[in-house]
PDB file of N, CA and C in Angstrom:
ATOM      1  N   MET A   1       7.945 -34.353  -5.811  1.00  0.00           N
ATOM      2  CA  MET A   1       8.471 -33.409  -6.786  1.00  0.00           C
ATOM      3  C   MET A   1       7.460 -32.285  -7.068  1.00  0.00           C
ATOM      4  N   ALA A   2       6.185 -32.645  -7.099  1.00  0.00           N
ATOM      5  CA  ALA A   2       5.152 -31.641  -7.375  1.00  0.00           C
ATOM      6  C   ALA A   2       5.100 -30.596  -6.261  1.00  0.00           C
ATOM      7  N   LEU A   3       5.319 -31.053  -5.028  1.00  0.00           N
ATOM      8  CA  LEU A   3       5.299 -30.115  -3.902  1.00  0.00           C
ATOM      9  C   LEU A   3       6.434 -29.101  -4.027  1.00  0.00           C
ATOM     10  N   LEU A   4       7.591 -29.554  -4.439  1.00  0.00           N
ATOM     11  CA  LEU A   4       8.728 -28.655  -4.627  1.00  0.00           C
ATOM     12  C   LEU A   4       8.458 -27.653  -5.746  1.00  0.00           C
ATOM     13  N   ARG A   5       7.833 -28.115  -6.805  1.00  0.00           N
ATOM     14  CA  ARG A   5       7.505 -27.222  -7.924  1.00  0.00           C
ATOM     15  C   ARG A   5       6.495 -26.165  -7.489  1.00  0.00           C
ATOM     16  N   ARG A   6       5.493 -26.578  -6.707  1.00  0.00           N
ATOM     17  CA  ARG A   6       4.507 -25.609  -6.206  1.00  0.00           C
ATOM     18  C   ARG A   6       5.159 -24.569  -5.300  1.00  0.00           C
ATOM     19  N   ALA A   7       6.107 -25.004  -4.494  1.00  0.00           N
ATOM     20  CA  ALA A   7       6.787 -24.070  -3.602  1.00  0.00           C
ATOM     21  C   ALA A   7       7.573 -23.043  -4.416  1.00  0.00           C
ATOM     22  N   PHE A   8       8.277 -23.491  -5.466  1.00  0.00           N
ATOM     23  CA  PHE A   8       9.022 -22.555  -6.302  1.00  0.00           C
ATOM     24  C   PHE A   8       8.102 -21.596  -7.047  1.00  0.00           C
ATOM     25  N   VAL A   9       6.956 -22.081  -7.505  1.00  0.00           N
ATOM     26  CA  VAL A   9       6.000 -21.203  -8.188  1.00  0.00           C
ATOM     27  C   VAL A   9       5.461 -20.153  -7.217  1.00  0.00           C
ATOM     28  N   ALA A  10       5.139 -20.577  -5.990  1.00  0.00           N
ATOM     29  CA  ALA A  10       4.633 -19.634  -4.992  1.00  0.00           C
ATOM     30  C   ALA A  10       5.682 -18.578  -4.651  1.00  0.00           C
ATOM     31  N   LEU A  11       6.947 -19.011  -4.518  1.00  0.00           N
ATOM     32  CA  LEU A  11       8.011 -18.044  -4.235  1.00  0.00           C
ATOM     33  C   LEU A  11       8.211 -17.087  -5.405  1.00  0.00           C
ATOM     34  N   GLY A  12       8.093 -17.583  -6.606  1.00  0.00           N
ATOM     35  CA  GLY A  12       8.233 -16.722  -7.780  1.00  0.00           C
ATOM     36  C   GLY A  12       7.132 -15.682  -7.863  1.00  0.00           C
ATOM     37  N   ILE A  13       5.908 -16.100  -7.596  1.00  0.00           N
ATOM     38  CA  ILE A  13       4.775 -15.162  -7.629  1.00  0.00           C
ATOM     39  C   ILE A  13       4.925 -14.114  -6.532  1.00  0.00           C
ATOM     40  N   ALA A  14       5.343 -14.557  -5.338  1.00  0.00           N
ATOM     41  CA  ALA A  14       5.545 -13.597  -4.243  1.00  0.00           C
ATOM     42  C   ALA A  14       6.643 -12.601  -4.602  1.00  0.00           C
ATOM     43  N   GLY A  15       7.686 -13.072  -5.249  1.00  0.00           N
ATOM     44  CA  GLY A  15       8.758 -12.174  -5.671  1.00  0.00           C
ATOM     45  C   GLY A  15       8.289 -11.166  -6.699  1.00  0.00           C
ATOM     46  N   LEU A  16       7.460 -11.608  -7.641  1.00  0.00           N
ATOM     47  CA  LEU A  16       6.930 -10.690  -8.648  1.00  0.00           C
ATOM     48  C   LEU A  16       6.048  -9.625  -8.014  1.00  0.00           C
ATOM     49  N   VAL A  17       5.208 -10.030  -7.091  1.00  0.00           N
ATOM     50  CA  VAL A  17       4.333  -9.063  -6.415  1.00  0.00           C
ATOM     51  C   VAL A  17       5.169  -8.050  -5.636  1.00  0.00           C
ATOM     52  N   ALA A  18       6.199  -8.531  -4.933  1.00  0.00           N
ATOM     53  CA  ALA A  18       7.065  -7.620  -4.179  1.00  0.00           C
ATOM     54  C   ALA A  18       7.783  -6.652  -5.118  1.00  0.00           C
ATOM     55  N   ALA A  19       8.238  -7.139  -6.258  1.00  0.00           N
ATOM     56  CA  ALA A  19       8.939  -6.267  -7.214  1.00  0.00           C
ATOM     57  C   ALA A  19       7.999  -5.213  -7.778  1.00  0.00           C
ATOM     58  N   VAL A  20       6.774  -5.601  -8.105  1.00  0.00           N
ATOM     59  CA  VAL A  20       5.811  -4.642  -8.647  1.00  0.00           C
ATOM     60  C   VAL A  20       5.481  -3.573  -7.609  1.00  0.00           C
ATOM     61  N   LEU A  21       5.278  -3.991  -6.361  1.00  0.00           N
ATOM     62  CA  LEU A  21       4.978  -3.011  -5.316  1.00  0.00           C
ATOM     63  C   LEU A  21       6.151  -2.072  -5.086  1.00  0.00           C
ATOM     64  N   ARG A  22       7.364  -2.587  -5.168  1.00  0.00           N
ATOM     65  CA  ARG A  22       8.542  -1.738  -4.972  1.00  0.00           C
ATOM     66  C   ARG A  22       8.701  -0.745  -6.120  1.00  0.00           C
ATOM     67  N   ILE A  23       8.438  -1.200  -7.339  1.00  0.00           N
ATOM     68  CA  ILE A  23       8.576  -0.322  -8.499  1.00  0.00           C
ATOM     69  C   ILE A  23       7.499   0.762  -8.491  1.00  0.00           C
ATOM     70  N   ARG A  24       6.264   0.365  -8.157  1.00  0.00           N
ATOM     71  CA  ARG A  24       5.161   1.339  -8.138  1.00  0.00           C
ATOM     72  C   ARG A  24       5.336   2.379  -7.056  1.00  0.00           C
ATOM     73  N   GLY A  25       5.939   2.004  -5.948  1.00  0.00           N
ATOM     74  CA  GLY A  25       6.124   2.956  -4.854  1.00  0.00           C
ATOM     75  C   GLY A  25       4.820   3.262  -4.168  1.00  0.00           C
ATOM     76  N   THR A  26       4.354   2.352  -3.328  1.00  0.00           N
ATOM     77  CA  THR A  26       3.046   2.521  -2.687  1.00  0.00           C
ATOM     78  C   THR A  26       3.078   3.576  -1.590  1.00  0.00           C
ATOM     79  N   GLY A  27       4.261   4.033  -1.197  1.00  0.00           N
ATOM     80  CA  GLY A  27       4.355   4.997  -0.105  1.00  0.00           C
ATOM     81  C   GLY A  27       4.091   6.405  -0.564  1.00  0.00           C
ATOM     82  N   GLY A  28       4.952   7.298  -0.253  1.00  0.00           N
ATOM     83  CA  GLY A  28       4.783   8.696  -0.619  1.00  0.00           C
ATOM     84  C   GLY A  28       4.732   9.554   0.624  1.00  0.00           C
ATOM     85  N   THR A  29       4.730  10.841   0.424  1.00  0.00           N
ATOM     86  CA  THR A  29       4.690  11.750   1.562  1.00  0.00           C
ATOM     87  C   THR A  29       3.240  12.091   1.888  1.00  0.00           C
ATOM     88  N   PRO A  30       2.898  12.125   3.144  1.00  0.00           N
ATOM     89  CA  PRO A  30       1.538  12.497   3.522  1.00  0.00           C
ATOM     90  C   PRO A  30       1.286  13.970   3.235  1.00  0.00           C
ATOM     91  N   PRO A  31       0.041  14.383   3.140  1.00  0.00           N
ATOM     92  CA  PRO A  31      -0.265  15.788   2.882  1.00  0.00           C
ATOM     93  C   PRO A  31       0.286  16.678   3.990  1.00  0.00           C
ATOM     94  N   GLN A  32       0.802  17.824   3.601  1.00  0.00           N
ATOM     95  CA  GLN A  32       1.402  18.740   4.562  1.00  0.00           C
ATOM     96  C   GLN A  32       0.418  19.800   5.037  1.00  0.00           C
ATOM     97  N   GLN A  33      -0.745  19.905   4.414  1.00  0.00           N
ATOM     98  CA  GLN A  33      -1.742  20.895   4.808  1.00  0.00           C
ATOM     99  C   GLN A  33      -3.074  20.191   5.003  1.00  0.00           C
ATOM    100  N   GLY A  34      -3.994  20.892   5.554  1.00  0.00           N
ATOM    101  CA  GLY A  34      -5.330  20.333   5.752  1.00  0.00           C
ATOM    102  C   GLY A  34      -5.412  19.600   7.081  1.00  0.00           C
ATOM    103  N   GLY A  35      -6.338  18.673   7.153  1.00  0.00           N
ATOM    104  CA  GLY A  35      -6.510  17.906   8.371  1.00  0.00           C
ATOM    105  C   GLY A  35      -7.714  18.390   9.166  1.00  0.00           C
ATOM    106  N   TRP A  36      -7.704  18.070  10.444  1.00  0.00           N
ATOM    107  CA  TRP A  36      -8.830  18.402  11.309  1.00  0.00           C
ATOM    108  C   TRP A  36      -8.688  19.823  11.837  1.00  0.00           C
ATOM    109  N   ARG A  37      -9.837  20.462  11.984  1.00  0.00           N
ATOM    110  CA  ARG A  37      -9.869  21.750  12.663  1.00  0.00           C
ATOM    111  C   ARG A  37     -11.199  21.853  13.377  1.00  0.00           C
ATOM    112  N   GLU A  38     -11.228  22.636  14.423  1.00  0.00           N
ATOM    113  CA  GLU A  38     -12.428  22.774  15.218  1.00  0.00           C
ATOM    114  C   GLU A  38     -13.416  23.704  14.513  1.00  0.00           C
ATOM    115  N   LEU A  39     -14.670  23.272  14.453  1.00  0.00           N
ATOM    116  CA  LEU A  39     -15.715  24.087  13.851  1.00  0.00           C
ATOM    117  C   LEU A  39     -16.391  24.942  14.902  1.00  0.00           C
ATOM    118  N   SER A  40     -16.821  26.134  14.481  1.00  0.00           N
ATOM    119  CA  SER A  40     -17.513  27.001  15.423  1.00  0.00           C
ATOM    120  C   SER A  40     -18.558  27.824  14.665  1.00  0.00           C
ATOM    121  N   GLY A  41     -19.575  28.237  15.360  1.00  0.00           N
ATOM    122  CA  GLY A  41     -20.591  29.117  14.793  1.00  0.00           C
ATOM    123  C   GLY A  41     -21.375  28.491  13.673  1.00  0.00           C
ATOM    124  N   PRO A  42     -21.527  29.197  12.528  1.00  0.00           N
ATOM    125  CA  PRO A  42     -22.384  28.715  11.442  1.00  0.00           C
ATOM    126  C   PRO A  42     -21.816  27.465  10.733  1.00  0.00           C
ATOM    127  N   GLU A  43     -20.546  27.150  10.957  1.00  0.00           N
ATOM    128  CA  GLU A  43     -19.981  25.969  10.305  1.00  0.00           C
ATOM    129  C   GLU A  43     -20.542  24.672  10.879  1.00  0.00           C
ATOM    130  N   LEU A  44     -21.165  24.752  12.061  1.00  0.00           N
ATOM    131  CA  LEU A  44     -21.684  23.547  12.704  1.00  0.00           C
ATOM    132  C   LEU A  44     -22.945  23.023  12.040  1.00  0.00           C
ATOM    133  N   ARG A  45     -23.605  23.809  11.212  1.00  0.00           N
ATOM    134  CA  ARG A  45     -24.855  23.382  10.586  1.00  0.00           C
ATOM    135  C   ARG A  45     -24.608  22.504   9.401  1.00  0.00           C
TER     136      ARG A  45
END
């Protein structure tokens, strides 16, 4: 019986974590500007 209770507690905690991550919205759009560019001349110092 204890094993079954532990399994339900683990599933409940996993569900709470998934709900919090979904509500917070960990994704988002990546930046549309910036990034890498080639350096030349005095910028190399």
